[in-house]
mmCIF file of all heavy atoms, coordinates in Angstrom:
data_MODEL
# 
_entry.id   MODEL 
# 
loop_
_atom_site.group_PDB 
_atom_site.id 
_atom_site.type_symbol 
_atom_site.label_atom_id 
_atom_site.label_alt_id 
_atom_site.label_comp_id 
_atom_site.label_asym_id 
_atom_site.label_entity_id 
_atom_site.label_seq_id 
_atom_site.pdbx_PDB_ins_code 
_atom_site.Cartn_x 
_atom_site.Cartn_y 
_atom_site.Cartn_z 
_atom_site.occupancy 
_atom_site.B_iso_or_equiv 
_atom_site.pdbx_formal_charge 
_atom_site.auth_seq_id 
_atom_site.auth_comp_id 
_atom_site.auth_asym_id 
_atom_site.auth_atom_id 
_atom_site.pdbx_PDB_model_num 
ATOM 1   N N   . ALA A 1 1  ? -7.597 6.109   -9.939  1.00 0.00 ? 1  ALA A N   1 
ATOM 2   C CA  . ALA A 1 1  ? -6.153 6.460   -10.239 1.00 0.00 ? 1  ALA A CA  1 
ATOM 3   C C   . ALA A 1 1  ? -5.609 7.312   -9.118  1.00 0.00 ? 1  ALA A C   1 
ATOM 4   O O   . ALA A 1 1  ? -4.456 7.073   -8.722  1.00 0.00 ? 1  ALA A O   1 
ATOM 5   C CB  . ALA A 1 1  ? -6.035 7.072   -11.601 1.00 0.00 ? 1  ALA A CB  1 
ATOM 6   N N   . ASP A 1 2  ? -6.341 8.254   -8.650  1.00 0.00 ? 2  ASP A N   1 
ATOM 7   C CA  . ASP A 1 2  ? -5.792 9.126   -7.573  1.00 0.00 ? 2  ASP A CA  1 
ATOM 8   C C   . ASP A 1 2  ? -5.591 8.328   -6.315  1.00 0.00 ? 2  ASP A C   1 
ATOM 9   O O   . ASP A 1 2  ? -4.528 8.562   -5.631  1.00 0.00 ? 2  ASP A O   1 
ATOM 10  C CB  . ASP A 1 2  ? -6.787 10.305  -7.320  1.00 0.00 ? 2  ASP A CB  1 
ATOM 11  C CG  . ASP A 1 2  ? -6.746 11.313  -8.344  1.00 0.00 ? 2  ASP A CG  1 
ATOM 12  O OD1 . ASP A 1 2  ? -5.699 11.606  -8.866  1.00 0.00 ? 2  ASP A OD1 1 
ATOM 13  O OD2 . ASP A 1 2  ? -7.832 11.928  -8.663  1.00 0.00 ? 2  ASP A OD2 1 
ATOM 14  N N   . GLU A 1 3  ? -6.438 7.424   -5.948  1.00 0.00 ? 3  GLU A N   1 
ATOM 15  C CA  . GLU A 1 3  ? -6.193 6.590   -4.732  1.00 0.00 ? 3  GLU A CA  1 
ATOM 16  C C   . GLU A 1 3  ? -4.989 5.648   -4.945  1.00 0.00 ? 3  GLU A C   1 
ATOM 17  O O   . GLU A 1 3  ? -4.302 5.233   -4.060  1.00 0.00 ? 3  GLU A O   1 
ATOM 18  C CB  . GLU A 1 3  ? -7.453 5.811   -4.381  1.00 0.00 ? 3  GLU A CB  1 
ATOM 19  C CG  . GLU A 1 3  ? -8.610 6.770   -3.773  1.00 0.00 ? 3  GLU A CG  1 
ATOM 20  C CD  . GLU A 1 3  ? -8.079 7.607   -2.563  1.00 0.00 ? 3  GLU A CD  1 
ATOM 21  O OE1 . GLU A 1 3  ? -7.402 7.035   -1.710  1.00 0.00 ? 3  GLU A OE1 1 
ATOM 22  O OE2 . GLU A 1 3  ? -8.351 8.827   -2.522  1.00 0.00 ? 3  GLU A OE2 1 
ATOM 23  N N   . MET A 1 4  ? -4.909 5.183   -6.140  1.00 0.00 ? 4  MET A N   1 
ATOM 24  C CA  . MET A 1 4  ? -3.761 4.293   -6.505  1.00 0.00 ? 4  MET A CA  1 
ATOM 25  C C   . MET A 1 4  ? -2.440 5.018   -6.262  1.00 0.00 ? 4  MET A C   1 
ATOM 26  O O   . MET A 1 4  ? -1.485 4.401   -5.696  1.00 0.00 ? 4  MET A O   1 
ATOM 27  C CB  . MET A 1 4  ? -3.864 3.875   -8.006  1.00 0.00 ? 4  MET A CB  1 
ATOM 28  C CG  . MET A 1 4  ? -5.008 2.843   -8.227  1.00 0.00 ? 4  MET A CG  1 
ATOM 29  S SD  . MET A 1 4  ? -5.132 2.423   -10.061 1.00 0.00 ? 4  MET A SD  1 
ATOM 30  C CE  . MET A 1 4  ? -3.661 1.396   -10.320 1.00 0.00 ? 4  MET A CE  1 
ATOM 31  N N   . ILE A 1 5  ? -2.400 6.257   -6.671  1.00 0.00 ? 5  ILE A N   1 
ATOM 32  C CA  . ILE A 1 5  ? -1.135 7.038   -6.471  1.00 0.00 ? 5  ILE A CA  1 
ATOM 33  C C   . ILE A 1 5  ? -0.815 7.198   -4.993  1.00 0.00 ? 5  ILE A C   1 
ATOM 34  O O   . ILE A 1 5  ? 0.366  6.964   -4.602  1.00 0.00 ? 5  ILE A O   1 
ATOM 35  C CB  . ILE A 1 5  ? -1.332 8.452   -7.151  1.00 0.00 ? 5  ILE A CB  1 
ATOM 36  C CG1 . ILE A 1 5  ? -1.276 8.298   -8.674  1.00 0.00 ? 5  ILE A CG1 1 
ATOM 37  C CG2 . ILE A 1 5  ? -0.204 9.380   -6.663  1.00 0.00 ? 5  ILE A CG2 1 
ATOM 38  C CD1 . ILE A 1 5  ? -1.639 9.576   -9.407  1.00 0.00 ? 5  ILE A CD1 1 
ATOM 39  N N   . ASP A 1 6  ? -1.765 7.427   -4.240  1.00 0.00 ? 6  ASP A N   1 
ATOM 40  C CA  . ASP A 1 6  ? -1.618 7.587   -2.731  1.00 0.00 ? 6  ASP A CA  1 
ATOM 41  C C   . ASP A 1 6  ? -1.252 6.243   -2.128  1.00 0.00 ? 6  ASP A C   1 
ATOM 42  O O   . ASP A 1 6  ? -0.310 6.170   -1.279  1.00 0.00 ? 6  ASP A O   1 
ATOM 43  C CB  . ASP A 1 6  ? -2.836 8.082   -2.039  1.00 0.00 ? 6  ASP A CB  1 
ATOM 44  C CG  . ASP A 1 6  ? -3.101 9.576   -2.382  1.00 0.00 ? 6  ASP A CG  1 
ATOM 45  O OD1 . ASP A 1 6  ? -2.175 10.268  -2.876  1.00 0.00 ? 6  ASP A OD1 1 
ATOM 46  O OD2 . ASP A 1 6  ? -4.194 10.007  -2.107  1.00 0.00 ? 6  ASP A OD2 1 
ATOM 47  N N   . LEU A 1 7  ? -1.846 5.155   -2.589  1.00 0.00 ? 7  LEU A N   1 
ATOM 48  C CA  . LEU A 1 7  ? -1.643 3.776   -1.997  1.00 0.00 ? 7  LEU A CA  1 
ATOM 49  C C   . LEU A 1 7  ? -0.132 3.334   -2.328  1.00 0.00 ? 7  LEU A C   1 
ATOM 50  O O   . LEU A 1 7  ? 0.403  2.678   -1.590  1.00 0.00 ? 7  LEU A O   1 
ATOM 51  C CB  . LEU A 1 7  ? -2.649 2.847   -2.563  1.00 0.00 ? 7  LEU A CB  1 
ATOM 52  C CG  . LEU A 1 7  ? -2.638 1.349   -2.035  1.00 0.00 ? 7  LEU A CG  1 
ATOM 53  C CD1 . LEU A 1 7  ? -2.707 1.415   -0.528  1.00 0.00 ? 7  LEU A CD1 1 
ATOM 54  C CD2 . LEU A 1 7  ? -3.803 0.515   -2.642  1.00 0.00 ? 7  LEU A CD2 1 
ATOM 55  N N   . ILE A 1 8  ? 0.305  3.621   -3.531  1.00 0.00 ? 8  ILE A N   1 
ATOM 56  C CA  . ILE A 1 8  ? 1.639  3.233   -3.857  1.00 0.00 ? 8  ILE A CA  1 
ATOM 57  C C   . ILE A 1 8  ? 2.684  3.854   -2.887  1.00 0.00 ? 8  ILE A C   1 
ATOM 58  O O   . ILE A 1 8  ? 3.541  3.202   -2.417  1.00 0.00 ? 8  ILE A O   1 
ATOM 59  C CB  . ILE A 1 8  ? 2.022  3.703   -5.379  1.00 0.00 ? 8  ILE A CB  1 
ATOM 60  C CG1 . ILE A 1 8  ? 1.183  2.731   -6.312  1.00 0.00 ? 8  ILE A CG1 1 
ATOM 61  C CG2 . ILE A 1 8  ? 3.468  3.459   -5.611  1.00 0.00 ? 8  ILE A CG2 1 
ATOM 62  C CD1 . ILE A 1 8  ? 1.264  3.174   -7.791  1.00 0.00 ? 8  ILE A CD1 1 
ATOM 63  N N   . GLU A 1 9  ? 2.497  5.149   -2.556  1.00 0.00 ? 9  GLU A N   1 
ATOM 64  C CA  . GLU A 1 9  ? 3.349  5.780   -1.607  1.00 0.00 ? 9  GLU A CA  1 
ATOM 65  C C   . GLU A 1 9  ? 3.293  5.056   -0.280  1.00 0.00 ? 9  GLU A C   1 
ATOM 66  O O   . GLU A 1 9  ? 4.280  4.827   0.432   1.00 0.00 ? 9  GLU A O   1 
ATOM 67  C CB  . GLU A 1 9  ? 3.013  7.247   -1.468  1.00 0.00 ? 9  GLU A CB  1 
ATOM 68  C CG  . GLU A 1 9  ? 3.177  8.056   -2.698  1.00 0.00 ? 9  GLU A CG  1 
ATOM 69  C CD  . GLU A 1 9  ? 4.676  8.499   -2.955  1.00 0.00 ? 9  GLU A CD  1 
ATOM 70  O OE1 . GLU A 1 9  ? 5.456  8.329   -2.038  1.00 0.00 ? 9  GLU A OE1 1 
ATOM 71  O OE2 . GLU A 1 9  ? 5.028  8.899   -4.032  1.00 0.00 ? 9  GLU A OE2 1 
ATOM 72  N N   . ASP A 1 10 ? 2.016  4.722   0.152   1.00 0.00 ? 10 ASP A N   1 
ATOM 73  C CA  . ASP A 1 10 ? 1.770  4.100   1.392   1.00 0.00 ? 10 ASP A CA  1 
ATOM 74  C C   . ASP A 1 10 ? 2.411  2.679   1.563   1.00 0.00 ? 10 ASP A C   1 
ATOM 75  O O   . ASP A 1 10 ? 2.941  2.304   2.564   1.00 0.00 ? 10 ASP A O   1 
ATOM 76  C CB  . ASP A 1 10 ? 0.367  4.018   1.729   1.00 0.00 ? 10 ASP A CB  1 
ATOM 77  C CG  . ASP A 1 10 ? -0.352 5.371   2.006   1.00 0.00 ? 10 ASP A CG  1 
ATOM 78  O OD1 . ASP A 1 10 ? 0.414  6.322   2.237   1.00 0.00 ? 10 ASP A OD1 1 
ATOM 79  O OD2 . ASP A 1 10 ? -1.529 5.520   1.979   1.00 0.00 ? 10 ASP A OD2 1 
ATOM 80  N N   . ILE A 1 11 ? 2.364  1.960   0.432   1.00 0.00 ? 11 ILE A N   1 
ATOM 81  C CA  . ILE A 1 11 ? 2.896  0.611   0.399   1.00 0.00 ? 11 ILE A CA  1 
ATOM 82  C C   . ILE A 1 11 ? 4.363  0.668   0.713   1.00 0.00 ? 11 ILE A C   1 
ATOM 83  O O   . ILE A 1 11 ? 4.894  -0.173  1.464   1.00 0.00 ? 11 ILE A O   1 
ATOM 84  C CB  . ILE A 1 11 ? 2.572  -0.107  -1.042  1.00 0.00 ? 11 ILE A CB  1 
ATOM 85  C CG1 . ILE A 1 11 ? 1.156  -0.432  -1.113  1.00 0.00 ? 11 ILE A CG1 1 
ATOM 86  C CG2 . ILE A 1 11 ? 3.481  -1.342  -1.086  1.00 0.00 ? 11 ILE A CG2 1 
ATOM 87  C CD1 . ILE A 1 11 ? 0.766  -0.904  -2.496  1.00 0.00 ? 11 ILE A CD1 1 
ATOM 88  N N   . ALA A 1 12 ? 5.110  1.576   0.029   1.00 0.00 ? 12 ALA A N   1 
ATOM 89  C CA  . ALA A 1 12 ? 6.575  1.662   0.162   1.00 0.00 ? 12 ALA A CA  1 
ATOM 90  C C   . ALA A 1 12 ? 6.957  1.894   1.615   1.00 0.00 ? 12 ALA A C   1 
ATOM 91  O O   . ALA A 1 12 ? 8.034  1.385   2.108   1.00 0.00 ? 12 ALA A O   1 
ATOM 92  C CB  . ALA A 1 12 ? 7.096  2.730   -0.705  1.00 0.00 ? 12 ALA A CB  1 
ATOM 93  N N   . VAL A 1 13 ? 6.135  2.574   2.438   1.00 0.00 ? 13 VAL A N   1 
ATOM 94  C CA  . VAL A 1 13 ? 6.487  2.871   3.785   1.00 0.00 ? 13 VAL A CA  1 
ATOM 95  C C   . VAL A 1 13 ? 5.624  2.134   4.795   1.00 0.00 ? 13 VAL A C   1 
ATOM 96  O O   . VAL A 1 13 ? 5.753  2.347   6.035   1.00 0.00 ? 13 VAL A O   1 
ATOM 97  C CB  . VAL A 1 13 ? 6.432  4.392   4.104   1.00 0.00 ? 13 VAL A CB  1 
ATOM 98  C CG1 . VAL A 1 13 ? 7.455  5.135   3.248   1.00 0.00 ? 13 VAL A CG1 1 
ATOM 99  C CG2 . VAL A 1 13 ? 5.021  4.951   3.784   1.00 0.00 ? 13 VAL A CG2 1 
ATOM 100 N N   . ARG A 1 14 ? 4.780  1.283   4.259   1.00 0.00 ? 14 ARG A N   1 
ATOM 101 C CA  . ARG A 1 14 ? 3.908  0.363   5.025   1.00 0.00 ? 14 ARG A CA  1 
ATOM 102 C C   . ARG A 1 14 ? 3.044  1.245   5.972   1.00 0.00 ? 14 ARG A C   1 
ATOM 103 O O   . ARG A 1 14 ? 2.865  0.959   7.171   1.00 0.00 ? 14 ARG A O   1 
ATOM 104 C CB  . ARG A 1 14 ? 4.657  -0.625  5.855   1.00 0.00 ? 14 ARG A CB  1 
ATOM 105 C CG  . ARG A 1 14 ? 5.337  -1.705  4.938   1.00 0.00 ? 14 ARG A CG  1 
ATOM 106 C CD  . ARG A 1 14 ? 6.167  -2.674  5.822   1.00 0.00 ? 14 ARG A CD  1 
ATOM 107 N NE  . ARG A 1 14 ? 6.621  -3.824  5.027   1.00 0.00 ? 14 ARG A NE  1 
ATOM 108 C CZ  . ARG A 1 14 ? 6.014  -4.993  5.010   1.00 0.00 ? 14 ARG A CZ  1 
ATOM 109 N NH1 . ARG A 1 14 ? 4.941  -5.213  5.624   1.00 0.00 ? 14 ARG A NH1 1 
ATOM 110 N NH2 . ARG A 1 14 ? 6.563  -6.008  4.290   1.00 0.00 ? 14 ARG A NH2 1 
ATOM 111 N N   . GLU A 1 15 ? 2.403  2.292   5.381   1.00 0.00 ? 15 GLU A N   1 
ATOM 112 C CA  . GLU A 1 15 ? 1.620  3.220   6.252   1.00 0.00 ? 15 GLU A CA  1 
ATOM 113 C C   . GLU A 1 15 ? 0.150  2.889   5.977   1.00 0.00 ? 15 GLU A C   1 
ATOM 114 O O   . GLU A 1 15 ? -0.395 3.021   4.876   1.00 0.00 ? 15 GLU A O   1 
ATOM 115 C CB  . GLU A 1 15 ? 1.870  4.669   5.849   1.00 0.00 ? 15 GLU A CB  1 
ATOM 116 C CG  . GLU A 1 15 ? 1.071  5.727   6.638   1.00 0.00 ? 15 GLU A CG  1 
ATOM 117 C CD  . GLU A 1 15 ? 1.517  7.146   6.338   1.00 0.00 ? 15 GLU A CD  1 
ATOM 118 O OE1 . GLU A 1 15 ? 2.696  7.393   6.191   1.00 0.00 ? 15 GLU A OE1 1 
ATOM 119 O OE2 . GLU A 1 15 ? 0.649  7.986   6.285   1.00 0.00 ? 15 GLU A OE2 1 
ATOM 120 N N   . GLY A 1 16 ? -0.549 2.504   7.067   1.00 0.00 ? 16 GLY A N   1 
ATOM 121 C CA  . GLY A 1 16 ? -1.959 2.144   7.014   1.00 0.00 ? 16 GLY A CA  1 
ATOM 122 C C   . GLY A 1 16 ? -2.143 0.626   6.848   1.00 0.00 ? 16 GLY A C   1 
ATOM 123 O O   . GLY A 1 16 ? -1.267 -0.046  6.369   1.00 0.00 ? 16 GLY A O   1 
ATOM 124 N N   . GLU A 1 17 ? -3.302 0.200   7.318   1.00 0.00 ? 17 GLU A N   1 
ATOM 125 C CA  . GLU A 1 17 ? -3.525 -1.290  7.343   1.00 0.00 ? 17 GLU A CA  1 
ATOM 126 C C   . GLU A 1 17 ? -3.593 -1.897  5.951   1.00 0.00 ? 17 GLU A C   1 
ATOM 127 O O   . GLU A 1 17 ? -2.960 -3.026  5.725   1.00 0.00 ? 17 GLU A O   1 
ATOM 128 C CB  . GLU A 1 17 ? -4.837 -1.573  8.135   1.00 0.00 ? 17 GLU A CB  1 
ATOM 129 C CG  . GLU A 1 17 ? -4.714 -1.237  9.588   1.00 0.00 ? 17 GLU A CG  1 
ATOM 130 C CD  . GLU A 1 17 ? -6.042 -1.493  10.287  1.00 0.00 ? 17 GLU A CD  1 
ATOM 131 O OE1 . GLU A 1 17 ? -6.930 -0.751  10.068  1.00 0.00 ? 17 GLU A OE1 1 
ATOM 132 O OE2 . GLU A 1 17 ? -6.089 -2.442  11.141  1.00 0.00 ? 17 GLU A OE2 1 
ATOM 133 N N   . LEU A 1 18 ? -4.243 -1.287  5.008   1.00 0.00 ? 18 LEU A N   1 
ATOM 134 C CA  . LEU A 1 18 ? -4.306 -1.859  3.674   1.00 0.00 ? 18 LEU A CA  1 
ATOM 135 C C   . LEU A 1 18 ? -2.888 -1.871  3.036   1.00 0.00 ? 18 LEU A C   1 
ATOM 136 O O   . LEU A 1 18 ? -2.521 -2.927  2.432   1.00 0.00 ? 18 LEU A O   1 
ATOM 137 C CB  . LEU A 1 18 ? -5.307 -0.996  2.788   1.00 0.00 ? 18 LEU A CB  1 
ATOM 138 C CG  . LEU A 1 18 ? -5.400 -1.422  1.278   1.00 0.00 ? 18 LEU A CG  1 
ATOM 139 C CD1 . LEU A 1 18 ? -5.943 -2.900  1.242   1.00 0.00 ? 18 LEU A CD1 1 
ATOM 140 C CD2 . LEU A 1 18 ? -6.261 -0.487  0.491   1.00 0.00 ? 18 LEU A CD2 1 
ATOM 141 N N   . ALA A 1 19 ? -2.161 -0.760  3.110   1.00 0.00 ? 19 ALA A N   1 
ATOM 142 C CA  . ALA A 1 19 ? -0.812 -0.733  2.462   1.00 0.00 ? 19 ALA A CA  1 
ATOM 143 C C   . ALA A 1 19 ? 0.097  -1.781  3.100   1.00 0.00 ? 19 ALA A C   1 
ATOM 144 O O   . ALA A 1 19 ? 0.835  -2.456  2.364   1.00 0.00 ? 19 ALA A O   1 
ATOM 145 C CB  . ALA A 1 19 ? -0.242 0.676   2.613   1.00 0.00 ? 19 ALA A CB  1 
ATOM 146 N N   . ASP A 1 20 ? 0.049  -1.926  4.396   1.00 0.00 ? 20 ASP A N   1 
ATOM 147 C CA  . ASP A 1 20 ? 0.899  -2.953  5.119   1.00 0.00 ? 20 ASP A CA  1 
ATOM 148 C C   . ASP A 1 20 ? 0.514  -4.359  4.678   1.00 0.00 ? 20 ASP A C   1 
ATOM 149 O O   . ASP A 1 20 ? 1.356  -5.185  4.475   1.00 0.00 ? 20 ASP A O   1 
ATOM 150 C CB  . ASP A 1 20 ? 0.742  -2.728  6.623   1.00 0.00 ? 20 ASP A CB  1 
ATOM 151 C CG  . ASP A 1 20 ? 1.782  -3.552  7.397   1.00 0.00 ? 20 ASP A CG  1 
ATOM 152 O OD1 . ASP A 1 20 ? 2.942  -3.499  7.044   1.00 0.00 ? 20 ASP A OD1 1 
ATOM 153 O OD2 . ASP A 1 20 ? 1.359  -4.350  8.177   1.00 0.00 ? 20 ASP A OD2 1 
ATOM 154 N N   . LEU A 1 21 ? -0.745 -4.541  4.531   1.00 0.00 ? 21 LEU A N   1 
ATOM 155 C CA  . LEU A 1 21 ? -1.208 -5.890  4.026   1.00 0.00 ? 21 LEU A CA  1 
ATOM 156 C C   . LEU A 1 21 ? -0.729 -6.121  2.635   1.00 0.00 ? 21 LEU A C   1 
ATOM 157 O O   . LEU A 1 21 ? -0.072 -7.181  2.367   1.00 0.00 ? 21 LEU A O   1 
ATOM 158 C CB  . LEU A 1 21 ? -2.742 -5.971  4.024   1.00 0.00 ? 21 LEU A CB  1 
ATOM 159 C CG  . LEU A 1 21 ? -3.420 -7.245  3.427   1.00 0.00 ? 21 LEU A CG  1 
ATOM 160 C CD1 . LEU A 1 21 ? -3.173 -8.399  4.404   1.00 0.00 ? 21 LEU A CD1 1 
ATOM 161 C CD2 . LEU A 1 21 ? -4.875 -7.009  3.193   1.00 0.00 ? 21 LEU A CD2 1 
ATOM 162 N N   . LEU A 1 22 ? -0.848 -5.179  1.767   1.00 0.00 ? 22 LEU A N   1 
ATOM 163 C CA  . LEU A 1 22 ? -0.414 -5.403  0.392   1.00 0.00 ? 22 LEU A CA  1 
ATOM 164 C C   . LEU A 1 22 ? 1.101  -5.505  0.248   1.00 0.00 ? 22 LEU A C   1 
ATOM 165 O O   . LEU A 1 22 ? 1.589  -6.187  -0.653  1.00 0.00 ? 22 LEU A O   1 
ATOM 166 C CB  . LEU A 1 22 ? -0.920 -4.222  -0.556  1.00 0.00 ? 22 LEU A CB  1 
ATOM 167 C CG  . LEU A 1 22 ? -2.422 -3.991  -0.576  1.00 0.00 ? 22 LEU A CG  1 
ATOM 168 C CD1 . LEU A 1 22 ? -2.731 -2.895  -1.648  1.00 0.00 ? 22 LEU A CD1 1 
ATOM 169 C CD2 . LEU A 1 22 ? -3.131 -5.284  -0.850  1.00 0.00 ? 22 LEU A CD2 1 
ATOM 170 N N   . ALA A 1 23 ? 1.827  -4.910  1.123   1.00 0.00 ? 23 ALA A N   1 
ATOM 171 C CA  . ALA A 1 23 ? 3.299  -4.907  1.108   1.00 0.00 ? 23 ALA A CA  1 
ATOM 172 C C   . ALA A 1 23 ? 3.834  -6.422  1.376   1.00 0.00 ? 23 ALA A C   1 
ATOM 173 O O   . ALA A 1 23 ? 4.877  -6.762  0.983   1.00 0.00 ? 23 ALA A O   1 
ATOM 174 C CB  . ALA A 1 23 ? 3.886  -4.071  2.153   1.00 0.00 ? 23 ALA A CB  1 
ATOM 175 N N   . GLY A 1 24 ? 2.995  -7.214  1.874   1.00 0.00 ? 24 GLY A N   1 
ATOM 176 C CA  . GLY A 1 24 ? 3.398  -8.658  2.160   1.00 0.00 ? 24 GLY A CA  1 
ATOM 177 C C   . GLY A 1 24 ? 3.322  -9.535  0.981   1.00 0.00 ? 24 GLY A C   1 
ATOM 178 O O   . GLY A 1 24 ? 3.810  -10.685 1.015   1.00 0.00 ? 24 GLY A O   1 
ATOM 179 N N   . GLY A 1 25 ? 2.691  -9.077  -0.107  1.00 0.00 ? 25 GLY A N   1 
ATOM 180 C CA  . GLY A 1 25 ? 2.518  -9.909  -1.239  1.00 0.00 ? 25 GLY A CA  1 
ATOM 181 C C   . GLY A 1 25 ? 1.356  -10.789 -1.323  1.00 0.00 ? 25 GLY A C   1 
ATOM 182 O O   . GLY A 1 25 ? 0.614  -10.864 -0.307  1.00 0.00 ? 25 GLY A O   1 
ATOM 183 N N   . ALA A 1 26 ? 1.026  -11.398 -2.508  1.00 0.00 ? 26 ALA A N   1 
ATOM 184 C CA  . ALA A 1 26 ? -0.179 -12.063 -2.748  1.00 0.00 ? 26 ALA A CA  1 
ATOM 185 C C   . ALA A 1 26 ? -0.439 -13.257 -1.761  1.00 0.00 ? 26 ALA A C   1 
ATOM 186 O O   . ALA A 1 26 ? -1.604 -13.396 -1.288  1.00 0.00 ? 26 ALA A O   1 
ATOM 187 C CB  . ALA A 1 26 ? -0.168 -12.627 -4.157  1.00 0.00 ? 26 ALA A CB  1 
ATOM 188 N N   . ASN A 1 27 ? 0.515  -14.074 -1.554  1.00 0.00 ? 27 ASN A N   1 
ATOM 189 C CA  . ASN A 1 27 ? 0.338  -15.190 -0.614  1.00 0.00 ? 27 ASN A CA  1 
ATOM 190 C C   . ASN A 1 27 ? -0.018 -14.701 0.810   1.00 0.00 ? 27 ASN A C   1 
ATOM 191 O O   . ASN A 1 27 ? -0.884 -15.258 1.535   1.00 0.00 ? 27 ASN A O   1 
ATOM 192 C CB  . ASN A 1 27 ? 1.647  -16.095 -0.509  1.00 0.00 ? 27 ASN A CB  1 
ATOM 193 C CG  . ASN A 1 27 ? 1.679  -17.045 -1.662  1.00 0.00 ? 27 ASN A CG  1 
ATOM 194 O OD1 . ASN A 1 27 ? 0.938  -17.077 -2.570  1.00 0.00 ? 27 ASN A OD1 1 
ATOM 195 N ND2 . ASN A 1 27 ? 2.753  -17.813 -1.687  1.00 0.00 ? 27 ASN A ND2 1 
# 
């Protein structure tokens, strides 16, 4: 859960490779 909280913040600003990947959606 703690990493999820951090990852959500990162997705919104596309910070980091994992977050940027997830920001593009499932396809």
